[in-house]
Amino acid sequence: MSFGGFYEDDQHHMMQAARAGQASSFHETYRCYSAAMMQSRAERPELLYGGKIVIPQSALHKLSNLHLSWPLLFKLTNNAQDRSTHSGVLEFTAEEGRVYLPQWMMQTLLLQEGQFVDIKNAELPLGAFVKIQPQHVDFLEITDPKAVLEQALRNFSTLTVGDILSFKYNDKLYDILVLETKPAGQGISIIETDLEVDFAPPVGYVEPTPQYKPTAVAGGRTDVLKGSTTNIEKHTVAEDIGFKPFAGSGQRLNGKSRGDAESSTSLSDTSNIPAALRLPPGKLFFGYPVVQVKKTGENGGGESSDTPKHVFTGAGQTLKAARKGAAGSPSTSSKK
């Protein structure tokens, strides 16, 4: 028999809960329904996708007489399935004997519409850390996941390990699993606290493997460069990639071909081409050794640098005519 949505069975369960509970604690049993079944629910994200429940007005009077600490936190238990979670309270506007829960909370407690749920007041420590795991790789498409999660958690009062929370962002639902909380325990309160959030890889996420593409080199080949370290004394990078500088033939402006005698040393010799300096770990390079240029005459080769040299040894000429009898003489006449 029912009276405006209040069942006699509801009254029986509430009386049993009142006898079992202590005078200083709140303990009631209600029929639970999802928040989507409320008559005045409208489109309220804090009600549909939050972590708070709606209980009757009579619960407010009982809580006021118990002198409990605020904000009020509750532990919800499904005794039939031995499942429990925690929540805050959003409103005291539910019909007598009923409680409205978010859909994700109904799924966590394995509850169906109209089943009984026990509600007790609870005291939880302030949380300092939480580790969560998105339940789908679509969560990675969010540009700023921490900012989005911070906005979503404003509709929650508690976090319980093992709960799969749901929130809505850009008209899409996202589920996250609570893996770990600190302080460790049944749950934590996240009201007015500095909470550190850590993300675990989403369910189904696969770490991408690096793709190595071959490097195109001269001659149309796609050989991968050899990854050996280059020795300072012998460079082999030019040989690895098959590089031949200035390997073409020269042309004259007059159209004549070059003779064998005019041919110089082949430029295709890459034995002296310097390569990129790649040193092994822990080795430093301070430059190549400086080779001093040998002076002429050292080690018996050529004349000594101290040997005097004859300079200006040619015959001198003068603009003044020479005296008679002294023609061809290089000496100049004295002034009279």
C-alpha atoms as a PDB file:
ATOM      1  CA  MET A   1       0.000   0.000   0.000  1.00  0.00           C
ATOM      2  CA  SER A   2       1.349   3.440  -0.910  1.00  0.00           C
ATOM      3  CA  PHE A   3       0.647   7.000   0.142  1.00  0.00           C
ATOM      4  CA  GLY A   4       1.923   9.538  -2.420  1.00  0.00           C
ATOM      5  CA  GLY A   5       4.929   7.453  -3.413  1.00  0.00           C
ATOM      6  CA  PHE A   6       5.672   6.350   0.204  1.00  0.00           C
ATOM      7  CA  TYR A   7       5.441   2.584   0.715  1.00  0.00           C
ATOM      8  CA  GLU A   8       4.712   0.675   3.907  1.00  0.00           C
ATOM      9  CA  ASP A   9       7.848  -1.363   3.207  1.00  0.00           C
ATOM     10  CA  ASP A  10       9.782   1.890   3.156  1.00  0.00           C
ATOM     11  CA  GLN A  11       8.488   2.779   6.621  1.00  0.00           C
ATOM     12  CA  HIS A  12       9.394  -0.678   7.897  1.00  0.00           C
ATOM     13  CA  HIS A  13      12.972  -0.390   6.633  1.00  0.00           C
ATOM     14  CA  MET A  14      13.332   3.133   7.996  1.00  0.00           C
ATOM     15  CA  MET A  15      12.132   2.043  11.457  1.00  0.00           C
ATOM     16  CA  GLN A  16      14.646  -0.823  11.476  1.00  0.00           C
ATOM     17  CA  ALA A  17      17.432   1.516  10.480  1.00  0.00           C
ATOM     18  CA  ALA A  18      16.469   3.987  13.199  1.00  0.00           C
ATOM     19  CA  ARG A  19      16.551   1.282  15.876  1.00  0.00           C
ATOM     20  CA  ALA A  20      19.927  -0.011  14.697  1.00  0.00           C
ATOM     21  CA  GLY A  21      21.561   3.402  14.463  1.00  0.00           C
ATOM     22  CA  GLN A  22      22.962   5.404  17.311  1.00  0.00           C
ATOM     23  CA  ALA A  23      21.568   8.720  18.430  1.00  0.00           C
ATOM     24  CA  SER A  24      24.688  10.587  17.254  1.00  0.00           C
ATOM     25  CA  SER A  25      24.689   9.174  13.693  1.00  0.00           C
ATOM     26  CA  PHE A  26      22.437   9.375  10.703  1.00  0.00           C
ATOM     27  CA  HIS A  27      21.302   6.043   9.279  1.00  0.00           C
ATOM     28  CA  GLU A  28      18.355   5.703   6.936  1.00  0.00           C
ATOM     29  CA  THR A  29      17.147   3.338   4.226  1.00  0.00           C
ATOM     30  CA  TYR A  30      15.526   4.705   1.081  1.00  0.00           C
ATOM     31  CA  ARG A  31      14.337   3.495  -2.278  1.00  0.00           C
ATOM     32  CA  CYS A  32      16.817   4.739  -4.845  1.00  0.00           C
ATOM     33  CA  TYR A  33      16.086   6.136  -8.270  1.00  0.00           C
ATOM     34  CA  SER A  34      18.300   7.666 -10.909  1.00  0.00           C
ATOM     35  CA  ALA A  35      18.396  11.457 -11.119  1.00  0.00           C
ATOM     36  CA  ALA A  36      16.940  11.291 -14.619  1.00  0.00           C
ATOM     37  CA  MET A  37      13.585  10.263 -13.081  1.00  0.00           C
ATOM     38  CA  MET A  38      13.178  13.428 -11.030  1.00  0.00           C
ATOM     39  CA  GLN A  39      10.206  15.536 -12.098  1.00  0.00           C
ATOM     40  CA  SER A  40      12.096  18.834 -11.866  1.00  0.00           C
ATOM     41  CA  ARG A  41      15.546  17.617 -12.911  1.00  0.00           C
ATOM     42  CA  ALA A  42      15.740  19.739 -16.111  1.00  0.00           C
ATOM     43  CA  GLU A  43      19.268  19.725 -17.607  1.00  0.00           C
ATOM     44  CA  ARG A  44      21.437  20.092 -14.525  1.00  0.00           C
ATOM     45  CA  PRO A  45      24.942  18.671 -14.950  1.00  0.00           C
ATOM     46  CA  GLU A  46      25.607  18.824 -11.205  1.00  0.00           C
ATOM     47  CA  LEU A  47      22.667  16.470 -10.712  1.00  0.00           C
ATOM     48  CA  LEU A  48      23.086  14.143 -13.691  1.00  0.00           C
ATOM     49  CA  TYR A  49      26.894  13.961 -13.864  1.00  0.00           C
ATOM     50  CA  GLY A  50      27.993  14.904 -10.353  1.00  0.00           C
ATOM     51  CA  GLY A  51      28.740  13.066  -7.131  1.00  0.00           C
ATOM     52  CA  LYS A  52      25.904  14.326  -4.917  1.00  0.00           C
ATOM     53  CA  ILE A  53      22.499  12.901  -4.047  1.00  0.00           C
ATOM     54  CA  VAL A  54      19.021  14.336  -3.368  1.00  0.00           C
ATOM     55  CA  ILE A  55      17.314  13.172  -0.145  1.00  0.00           C
ATOM     56  CA  PRO A  56      13.946  14.066   1.508  1.00  0.00           C
ATOM     57  CA  GLN A  57      13.249  17.137   3.626  1.00  0.00           C
ATOM     58  CA  SER A  58      12.779  14.990   6.727  1.00  0.00           C
ATOM     59  CA  ALA A  59      16.442  13.984   6.550  1.00  0.00           C
ATOM     60  CA  LEU A  60      17.443  17.610   6.976  1.00  0.00           C
ATOM     61  CA  HIS A  61      15.553  17.869  10.288  1.00  0.00           C
ATOM     62  CA  LYS A  62      17.208  14.710  11.603  1.00  0.00           C
ATOM     63  CA  LEU A  63      20.646  15.870  10.546  1.00  0.00           C
ATOM     64  CA  SER A  64      20.126  19.258  12.193  1.00  0.00           C
ATOM     65  CA  ASN A  65      19.342  17.610  15.526  1.00  0.00           C
ATOM     66  CA  LEU A  66      22.455  15.430  15.399  1.00  0.00           C
ATOM     67  CA  HIS A  67      24.901  18.372  15.375  1.00  0.00           C
ATOM     68  CA  LEU A  68      27.064  16.794  12.707  1.00  0.00           C
ATOM     69  CA  SER A  69      30.014  18.531  11.085  1.00  0.00           C
ATOM     70  CA  TRP A  70      29.420  20.207   7.749  1.00  0.00           C
ATOM     71  CA  PRO A  71      29.713  19.702   4.827  1.00  0.00           C
ATOM     72  CA  LEU A  72      27.668  16.525   5.115  1.00  0.00           C
ATOM     73  CA  LEU A  73      29.166  13.389   3.627  1.00  0.00           C
ATOM     74  CA  PHE A  74      27.445  10.024   3.332  1.00  0.00           C
ATOM     75  CA  LYS A  75      28.300   6.393   2.789  1.00  0.00           C
ATOM     76  CA  LEU A  76      25.885   4.559   0.498  1.00  0.00           C
ATOM     77  CA  THR A  77      25.717   0.755   0.731  1.00  0.00           C
ATOM     78  CA  ASN A  78      23.926  -1.895  -1.275  1.00  0.00           C
ATOM     79  CA  ASN A  79      23.773  -4.715   1.273  1.00  0.00           C
ATOM     80  CA  ALA A  80      22.453  -7.203  -1.281  1.00  0.00           C
ATOM     81  CA  GLN A  81      25.572  -6.864  -3.457  1.00  0.00           C
ATOM     82  CA  ASP A  82      28.036  -5.750  -0.749  1.00  0.00           C
ATOM     83  CA  ARG A  83      28.903  -2.614  -2.707  1.00  0.00           C
ATOM     84  CA  SER A  84      29.449   0.843  -1.235  1.00  0.00           C
ATOM     85  CA  THR A  85      30.530   4.334  -2.212  1.00  0.00           C
ATOM     86  CA  HIS A  86      30.513   7.882  -0.847  1.00  0.00           C
ATOM     87  CA  SER A  87      28.758  11.076  -1.820  1.00  0.00           C
ATOM     88  CA  GLY A  88      27.715  14.536  -0.732  1.00  0.00           C
ATOM     89  CA  VAL A  89      24.215  15.991  -0.627  1.00  0.00           C
ATOM     90  CA  LEU A  90      22.911  18.392  -3.257  1.00  0.00           C
ATOM     91  CA  GLU A  91      19.342  19.073  -2.156  1.00  0.00           C
ATOM     92  CA  PHE A  92      16.662  18.026   0.334  1.00  0.00           C
ATOM     93  CA  THR A  93      13.832  18.072  -2.197  1.00  0.00           C
ATOM     94  CA  ALA A  94      13.180  14.356  -2.817  1.00  0.00           C
ATOM     95  CA  GLU A  95       9.860  12.717  -2.005  1.00  0.00           C
ATOM     96  CA  GLU A  96       9.639  11.001   1.369  1.00  0.00           C
ATOM     97  CA  GLY A  97      11.168   7.551   1.317  1.00  0.00           C
ATOM     98  CA  ARG A  98      13.131   8.232  -1.895  1.00  0.00           C
ATOM     99  CA  VAL A  99      16.664   9.192  -2.784  1.00  0.00           C
ATOM    100  CA  TYR A 100      17.923  10.222  -6.230  1.00  0.00           C
ATOM    101  CA  LEU A 101      21.390   9.179  -7.359  1.00  0.00           C
ATOM    102  CA  PRO A 102      23.443   9.930 -10.494  1.00  0.00           C
ATOM    103  CA  GLN A 103      23.380   7.136 -13.043  1.00  0.00           C
ATOM    104  CA  TRP A 104      27.056   6.263 -12.593  1.00  0.00           C
ATOM    105  CA  MET A 105      26.477   5.800  -8.860  1.00  0.00           C
ATOM    106  CA  MET A 106      23.585   3.444  -9.535  1.00  0.00           C
ATOM    107  CA  GLN A 107      25.870   1.371 -11.760  1.00  0.00           C
ATOM    108  CA  THR A 108      28.667   1.372  -9.177  1.00  0.00           C
ATOM    109  CA  LEU A 109      26.322   0.057  -6.465  1.00  0.00           C
ATOM    110  CA  LEU A 110      24.658  -2.400  -8.897  1.00  0.00           C
ATOM    111  CA  LEU A 111      21.273  -0.941  -8.054  1.00  0.00           C
ATOM    112  CA  GLN A 112      18.068  -1.058 -10.091  1.00  0.00           C
ATOM    113  CA  GLU A 113      15.287   1.489  -9.972  1.00  0.00           C
ATOM    114  CA  GLY A 114      13.307   1.204  -6.743  1.00  0.00           C
ATOM    115  CA  GLN A 115      15.759  -0.982  -4.797  1.00  0.00           C
ATOM    116  CA  PHE A 116      16.808  -0.149  -1.237  1.00  0.00           C
ATOM    117  CA  VAL A 117      20.046   1.590  -0.320  1.00  0.00           C
ATOM    118  CA  ASP A 118      21.436   2.323   3.158  1.00  0.00           C
ATOM    119  CA  ILE A 119      22.707   5.840   3.807  1.00  0.00           C
ATOM    120  CA  LYS A 120      24.922   6.754   6.758  1.00  0.00           C
ATOM    121  CA  ASN A 121      26.792   9.908   7.610  1.00  0.00           C
ATOM    122  CA  ALA A 122      30.556   9.602   7.155  1.00  0.00           C
ATOM    123  CA  GLU A 123      33.699  11.547   7.974  1.00  0.00           C
ATOM    124  CA  LEU A 124      36.424  11.425   5.349  1.00  0.00           C
ATOM    125  CA  PRO A 125      39.911  12.997   5.371  1.00  0.00           C
ATOM    126  CA  LEU A 126      40.806  15.766   2.960  1.00  0.00           C
ATOM    127  CA  GLY A 127      42.412  14.316  -0.132  1.00  0.00           C
ATOM    128  CA  ALA A 128      45.910  15.237  -1.265  1.00  0.00           C
ATOM    129  CA  PHE A 129      46.387  12.926  -4.261  1.00  0.00           C
ATOM    130  CA  VAL A 130      44.286  10.899  -6.683  1.00  0.00           C
ATOM    131  CA  LYS A 131      45.254   8.706  -9.619  1.00  0.00           C
ATOM    132  CA  ILE A 132      42.659   8.131 -12.296  1.00  0.00           C
ATOM    133  CA  GLN A 133      42.413   6.105 -15.502  1.00  0.00           C
ATOM    134  CA  PRO A 134      40.230   7.170 -18.436  1.00  0.00           C
ATOM    135  CA  GLN A 135      38.126   4.311 -19.740  1.00  0.00           C
ATOM    136  CA  HIS A 136      38.520   5.195 -23.406  1.00  0.00           C
ATOM    137  CA  VAL A 137      41.244   6.616 -25.633  1.00  0.00           C
ATOM    138  CA  ASP A 138      38.885   9.431 -26.671  1.00  0.00           C
ATOM    139  CA  PHE A 139      39.965  11.164 -23.469  1.00  0.00           C
ATOM    140  CA  LEU A 140      43.301  11.933 -25.166  1.00  0.00           C
ATOM    141  CA  GLU A 141      41.497  14.177 -27.670  1.00  0.00           C
ATOM    142  CA  ILE A 142      40.775  16.730 -24.927  1.00  0.00           C
ATOM    143  CA  THR A 143      43.150  19.656 -25.346  1.00  0.00           C
ATOM    144  CA  ASP A 144      43.561  20.451 -21.642  1.00  0.00           C
ATOM    145  CA  PRO A 145      42.430  17.380 -19.653  1.00  0.00           C
ATOM    146  CA  LYS A 146      43.480  18.744 -16.264  1.00  0.00           C
ATOM    147  CA  ALA A 147      41.415  21.911 -16.669  1.00  0.00           C
ATOM    148  CA  VAL A 148      38.407  19.895 -17.879  1.00  0.00           C
ATOM    149  CA  LEU A 149      38.735  17.445 -15.000  1.00  0.00           C
ATOM    150  CA  GLU A 150      39.053  20.269 -12.478  1.00  0.00           C
ATOM    151  CA  GLN A 151      35.811  21.761 -13.760  1.00  0.00           C
ATOM    152  CA  ALA A 152      34.060  18.372 -13.642  1.00  0.00           C
ATOM    153  CA  LEU A 153      35.196  17.576 -10.081  1.00  0.00           C
ATOM    154  CA  ARG A 154      33.537  20.737  -8.779  1.00  0.00           C
ATOM    155  CA  ASN A 155      30.284  18.750  -8.831  1.00  0.00           C
ATOM    156  CA  PHE A 156      31.799  16.067  -6.573  1.00  0.00           C
ATOM    157  CA  SER A 157      32.335  16.036  -2.826  1.00  0.00           C
ATOM    158  CA  THR A 158      34.076  12.683  -2.414  1.00  0.00           C
ATOM    159  CA  LEU A 159      36.171  10.183  -4.344  1.00  0.00           C
ATOM    160  CA  THR A 160      36.180   6.435  -3.611  1.00  0.00           C
ATOM    161  CA  VAL A 161      38.698   3.923  -4.925  1.00  0.00           C
ATOM    162  CA  GLY A 162      37.085   1.651  -7.498  1.00  0.00           C
ATOM    163  CA  ASP A 163      34.359   4.088  -8.575  1.00  0.00           C
ATOM    164  CA  ILE A 164      33.899   4.859 -12.272  1.00  0.00           C
ATOM    165  CA  LEU A 165      32.817   8.481 -12.478  1.00  0.00           C
ATOM    166  CA  SER A 166      31.081  10.050 -15.466  1.00  0.00           C
ATOM    167  CA  PHE A 167      31.170  13.646 -16.633  1.00  0.00           C
ATOM    168  CA  LYS A 168      30.054  15.455 -19.761  1.00  0.00           C
ATOM    169  CA  TYR A 169      32.268  17.633 -21.947  1.00  0.00           C
ATOM    170  CA  ASN A 170      31.378  19.024 -25.376  1.00  0.00           C
ATOM    171  CA  ASP A 171      28.202  16.901 -25.512  1.00  0.00           C
ATOM    172  CA  LYS A 172      30.205  13.720 -24.931  1.00  0.00           C
ATOM    173  CA  LEU A 173      30.347  11.478 -21.864  1.00  0.00           C
ATOM    174  CA  TYR A 174      33.697  10.417 -20.406  1.00  0.00           C
ATOM    175  CA  ASP A 175      34.247   7.720 -17.770  1.00  0.00           C
ATOM    176  CA  ILE A 176      37.218   7.697 -15.391  1.00  0.00           C
ATOM    177  CA  LEU A 177      38.220   5.054 -12.861  1.00  0.00           C
ATOM    178  CA  VAL A 178      39.600   6.071  -9.473  1.00  0.00           C
ATOM    179  CA  LEU A 179      42.713   3.906  -8.992  1.00  0.00           C
ATOM    180  CA  GLU A 180      44.377   5.388  -5.911  1.00  0.00           C
ATOM    181  CA  THR A 181      43.819   8.062  -3.305  1.00  0.00           C
ATOM    182  CA  LYS A 182      45.945   9.641  -0.601  1.00  0.00           C
ATOM    183  CA  PRO A 183      45.436   9.403   2.304  1.00  0.00           C
ATOM    184  CA  ALA A 184      44.693   5.768   1.622  1.00  0.00           C
ATOM    185  CA  GLY A 185      41.377   4.453   2.894  1.00  0.00           C
ATOM    186  CA  GLN A 186      37.778   4.034   1.898  1.00  0.00           C
ATOM    187  CA  GLY A 187      37.525   7.471   0.354  1.00  0.00           C
ATOM    188  CA  ILE A 188      38.596  11.110   0.495  1.00  0.00           C
ATOM    189  CA  SER A 189      36.887  14.474   0.613  1.00  0.00           C
ATOM    190  CA  ILE A 190      37.769  16.950  -2.146  1.00  0.00           C
ATOM    191  CA  ILE A 191      35.971  19.997  -0.753  1.00  0.00           C
ATOM    192  CA  GLU A 192      38.273  23.021  -0.397  1.00  0.00           C
ATOM    193  CA  THR A 193      41.500  21.082  -0.769  1.00  0.00           C
ATOM    194  CA  ASP A 194      44.551  21.216  -3.026  1.00  0.00           C
ATOM    195  CA  LEU A 195      44.297  17.927  -4.912  1.00  0.00           C
ATOM    196  CA  GLU A 196      47.144  16.529  -7.018  1.00  0.00           C
ATOM    197  CA  VAL A 197      45.896  14.494 -10.003  1.00  0.00           C
ATOM    198  CA  ASP A 198      47.868  11.805 -11.837  1.00  0.00           C
ATOM    199  CA  PHE A 199      46.713  10.133 -15.056  1.00  0.00           C
ATOM    200  CA  ALA A 200      47.186   6.473 -15.967  1.00  0.00           C
ATOM    201  CA  PRO A 201      47.166   5.435 -19.658  1.00  0.00           C
ATOM    202  CA  PRO A 202      43.586   5.085 -20.941  1.00  0.00           C
ATOM    203  CA  VAL A 203      42.062   1.667 -21.433  1.00  0.00           C
ATOM    204  CA  GLY A 204      42.982   0.413 -24.903  1.00  0.00           C
ATOM    205  CA  TYR A 205      45.886   2.815 -25.354  1.00  0.00           C
ATOM    206  CA  VAL A 206      48.869   1.368 -27.237  1.00  0.00           C
ATOM    207  CA  GLU A 207      52.240   3.094 -27.153  1.00  0.00           C
ATOM    208  CA  PRO A 208      53.159   4.046 -30.741  1.00  0.00           C
ATOM    209  CA  THR A 209      56.225   2.314 -32.131  1.00  0.00           C
ATOM    210  CA  PRO A 210      58.871   4.545 -33.775  1.00  0.00           C
ATOM    211  CA  GLN A 211      58.942   4.334 -37.547  1.00  0.00           C
ATOM    212  CA  TYR A 212      62.386   4.416 -39.179  1.00  0.00           C
ATOM    213  CA  LYS A 213      62.246   5.638 -42.776  1.00  0.00           C
ATOM    214  CA  PRO A 214      65.207   5.004 -45.169  1.00  0.00           C
ATOM    215  CA  THR A 215      67.180   8.086 -46.206  1.00  0.00           C
ATOM    216  CA  ALA A 216      67.428   8.793 -49.923  1.00  0.00           C
ATOM    217  CA  VAL A 217      70.995   9.306 -51.163  1.00  0.00           C
ATOM    218  CA  ALA A 218      72.725   9.995 -54.470  1.00  0.00           C
ATOM    219  CA  GLY A 219      72.031   7.560 -57.253  1.00  0.00           C
ATOM    220  CA  GLY A 220      68.398   6.959 -56.259  1.00  0.00           C
ATOM    221  CA  ARG A 221      69.313   4.437 -53.572  1.00  0.00           C
ATOM    222  CA  THR A 222      67.473   4.327 -50.256  1.00  0.00           C
ATOM    223  CA  ASP A 223      70.150   2.719 -48.147  1.00  0.00           C
ATOM    224  CA  VAL A 224      70.029   3.381 -44.446  1.00  0.00           C
ATOM    225  CA  LEU A 225      73.114   5.162 -43.184  1.00  0.00           C
ATOM    226  CA  LYS A 226      75.441   3.029 -41.189  1.00  0.00           C
ATOM    227  CA  GLY A 227      75.394   3.901 -37.537  1.00  0.00           C
ATOM    228  CA  SER A 228      79.057   3.357 -36.719  1.00  0.00           C
ATOM    229  CA  THR A 229      81.115   5.872 -34.844  1.00  0.00           C
ATOM    230  CA  THR A 230      83.650   7.727 -36.958  1.00  0.00           C
ATOM    231  CA  ASN A 231      87.313   7.481 -36.096  1.00  0.00           C
ATOM    232  CA  ILE A 232      89.250  10.741 -36.021  1.00  0.00           C
ATOM    233  CA  GLU A 233      92.170   9.307 -37.990  1.00  0.00           C
ATOM    234  CA  LYS A 234      90.044   7.679 -40.680  1.00  0.00           C
ATOM    235  CA  HIS A 235      86.730   9.087 -41.855  1.00  0.00           C
ATOM    236  CA  THR A 236      84.419   6.650 -43.583  1.00  0.00           C
ATOM    237  CA  VAL A 237      81.123   8.546 -43.858  1.00  0.00           C
ATOM    238  CA  ALA A 238      81.750   9.430 -47.524  1.00  0.00           C
ATOM    239  CA  GLU A 239      82.189   5.759 -48.315  1.00  0.00           C
ATOM    240  CA  ASP A 240      79.038   4.832 -46.383  1.00  0.00           C
ATOM    241  CA  ILE A 241      76.810   7.103 -48.457  1.00  0.00           C
ATOM    242  CA  GLY A 242      78.683   6.709 -51.742  1.00  0.00           C
ATOM    243  CA  PHE A 243      79.491  10.404 -52.090  1.00  0.00           C
ATOM    244  CA  LYS A 244      81.786  11.442 -54.967  1.00  0.00           C
ATOM    245  CA  PRO A 245      82.374  15.208 -55.206  1.00  0.00           C
ATOM    246  CA  PHE A 246      82.965  16.818 -58.614  1.00  0.00           C
ATOM    247  CA  ALA A 247      82.798  13.498 -60.416  1.00  0.00           C
ATOM    248  CA  GLY A 248      81.762  15.110 -63.760  1.00  0.00           C
ATOM    249  CA  SER A 249      84.011  15.889 -66.720  1.00  0.00           C
ATOM    250  CA  GLY A 250      85.308  19.397 -67.491  1.00  0.00           C
ATOM    251  CA  GLN A 251      84.665  21.342 -70.747  1.00  0.00           C
ATOM    252  CA  ARG A 252      86.815  23.963 -72.466  1.00  0.00           C
ATOM    253  CA  LEU A 253      85.445  27.238 -73.832  1.00  0.00           C
ATOM    254  CA  ASN A 254      87.202  26.663 -77.167  1.00  0.00           C
ATOM    255  CA  GLY A 255      85.524  23.294 -77.591  1.00  0.00           C
ATOM    256  CA  LYS A 256      88.745  21.293 -77.545  1.00  0.00           C
ATOM    257  CA  SER A 257      88.956  18.142 -75.462  1.00  0.00           C
ATOM    258  CA  ARG A 258      91.380  17.845 -72.602  1.00  0.00           C
ATOM    259  CA  GLY A 259      94.531  15.863 -73.171  1.00  0.00           C
ATOM    260  CA  ASP A 260      95.863  13.135 -70.957  1.00  0.00           C
ATOM    261  CA  ALA A 261      98.827  15.328 -70.022  1.00  0.00           C
ATOM    262  CA  GLU A 262      96.531  18.066 -68.790  1.00  0.00           C
ATOM    263  CA  SER A 263      94.441  15.762 -66.665  1.00  0.00           C
ATOM    264  CA  SER A 264      94.927  16.368 -63.003  1.00  0.00           C
ATOM    265  CA  THR A 265      94.452  14.104 -60.075  1.00  0.00           C
ATOM    266  CA  SER A 266      90.997  12.558 -60.007  1.00  0.00           C
ATOM    267  CA  LEU A 267      88.576  14.419 -57.748  1.00  0.00           C
ATOM    268  CA  SER A 268      86.617  11.285 -57.049  1.00  0.00           C
ATOM    269  CA  ASP A 269      89.118  10.229 -54.437  1.00  0.00           C
ATOM    270  CA  THR A 270      87.242  10.580 -51.149  1.00  0.00           C
ATOM    271  CA  SER A 271      89.982   9.286 -48.906  1.00  0.00           C
ATOM    272  CA  ASN A 272      90.777  12.787 -47.575  1.00  0.00           C
ATOM    273  CA  ILE A 273      87.227  14.123 -47.285  1.00  0.00           C
ATOM    274  CA  PRO A 274      86.458  15.148 -43.710  1.00  0.00           C
ATOM    275  CA  ALA A 275      83.284  13.748 -42.238  1.00  0.00           C
ATOM    276  CA  ALA A 276      80.999  14.696 -39.415  1.00  0.00           C
ATOM    277  CA  LEU A 277      82.763  14.238 -36.113  1.00  0.00           C
ATOM    278  CA  ARG A 278      80.975  11.584 -34.081  1.00  0.00           C
ATOM    279  CA  LEU A 279      82.782  10.727 -30.875  1.00  0.00           C
ATOM    280  CA  PRO A 280      81.997   7.798 -28.587  1.00  0.00           C
ATOM    281  CA  PRO A 281      80.464   8.603 -25.197  1.00  0.00           C
ATOM    282  CA  GLY A 282      82.933   9.961 -22.657  1.00  0.00           C
ATOM    283  CA  LYS A 283      85.499  11.128 -25.218  1.00  0.00           C
ATOM    284  CA  LEU A 284      86.344  14.776 -25.870  1.00  0.00           C
ATOM    285  CA  PHE A 285      87.942  16.288 -28.955  1.00  0.00           C
ATOM    286  CA  PHE A 286      90.153  19.377 -28.681  1.00  0.00           C
ATOM    287  CA  GLY A 287      91.237  19.671 -32.316  1.00  0.00           C
ATOM    288  CA  TYR A 288      93.756  18.042 -34.610  1.00  0.00           C
ATOM    289  CA  PRO A 289      97.511  18.188 -33.798  1.00  0.00           C
ATOM    290  CA  VAL A 290      99.253  21.295 -35.126  1.00  0.00           C
ATOM    291  CA  VAL A 291     102.028  20.530 -37.634  1.00  0.00           C
ATOM    292  CA  GLN A 292     104.761  23.173 -37.724  1.00  0.00           C
ATOM    293  CA  VAL A 293     105.940  24.241 -41.181  1.00  0.00           C
ATOM    294  CA  LYS A 294     109.614  23.367 -41.661  1.00  0.00           C
ATOM    295  CA  LYS A 295     111.943  26.247 -42.569  1.00  0.00           C
ATOM    296  CA  THR A 296     114.230  26.027 -45.570  1.00  0.00           C
ATOM    297  CA  GLY A 297     117.605  24.545 -44.681  1.00  0.00           C
ATOM    298  CA  GLU A 298     116.472  22.462 -41.751  1.00  0.00           C
ATOM    299  CA  ASN A 299     117.617  18.837 -41.664  1.00  0.00           C
ATOM    300  CA  GLY A 300     120.242  19.507 -44.453  1.00  0.00           C
ATOM    301  CA  GLY A 301     117.747  20.442 -47.086  1.00  0.00           C
ATOM    302  CA  GLY A 302     118.658  23.540 -49.171  1.00  0.00           C
ATOM    303  CA  GLU A 303     120.730  26.540 -48.096  1.00  0.00           C
ATOM    304  CA  SER A 304     120.882  27.785 -44.542  1.00  0.00           C
ATOM    305  CA  SER A 305     118.695  30.713 -43.634  1.00  0.00           C
ATOM    306  CA  ASP A 306     121.777  32.475 -42.178  1.00  0.00           C
ATOM    307  CA  THR A 307     123.635  32.475 -45.551  1.00  0.00           C
ATOM    308  CA  PRO A 308     123.864  36.070 -46.876  1.00  0.00           C
ATOM    309  CA  LYS A 309     122.045  36.681 -50.094  1.00  0.00           C
ATOM    310  CA  HIS A 310     123.248  38.995 -52.899  1.00  0.00           C
ATOM    311  CA  VAL A 311     120.691  41.560 -53.696  1.00  0.00           C
ATOM    312  CA  PHE A 312     120.715  44.218 -56.439  1.00  0.00           C
ATOM    313  CA  THR A 313     123.621  42.588 -58.317  1.00  0.00           C
ATOM    314  CA  GLY A 314     122.755  44.085 -61.717  1.00  0.00           C
ATOM    315  CA  ALA A 315     124.764  46.838 -63.530  1.00  0.00           C
ATOM    316  CA  GLY A 316     123.901  50.404 -62.497  1.00  0.00           C
ATOM    317  CA  GLN A 317     122.969  53.215 -64.930  1.00  0.00           C
ATOM    318  CA  THR A 318     123.256  56.984 -64.489  1.00  0.00           C
ATOM    319  CA  LEU A 319     121.537  59.856 -66.289  1.00  0.00           C
ATOM    320  CA  LYS A 320     124.712  62.072 -66.173  1.00  0.00           C
ATOM    321  CA  ALA A 321     127.148  61.639 -69.044  1.00  0.00           C
ATOM    322  CA  ALA A 322     130.439  59.975 -68.133  1.00  0.00           C
ATOM    323  CA  ARG A 323     133.781  61.773 -68.503  1.00  0.00           C
ATOM    324  CA  LYS A 324     136.173  61.011 -71.291  1.00  0.00           C
ATOM    325  CA  GLY A 325     138.381  58.098 -70.567  1.00  0.00           C
ATOM    326  CA  ALA A 326     135.931  56.784 -68.057  1.00  0.00           C
ATOM    327  CA  ALA A 327     133.285  55.486 -70.390  1.00  0.00           C
ATOM    328  CA  GLY A 328     131.519  52.472 -69.028  1.00  0.00           C
ATOM    329  CA  SER A 329     132.914  53.239 -65.586  1.00  0.00           C
ATOM    330  CA  PRO A 330     130.226  52.971 -62.973  1.00  0.00           C
ATOM    331  CA  SER A 331     131.993  55.518 -60.745  1.00  0.00           C
ATOM    332  CA  THR A 332     130.656  59.032 -60.622  1.00  0.00           C
ATOM    333  CA  SER A 333     132.798  62.210 -61.009  1.00  0.00           C
ATOM    334  CA  SER A 334     133.477  64.442 -58.104  1.00  0.00           C
ATOM    335  CA  LYS A 335     132.324  68.031 -58.010  1.00  0.00           C
ATOM    336  CA  LYS A 336     134.826  70.745 -58.632  1.00  0.00           C
END
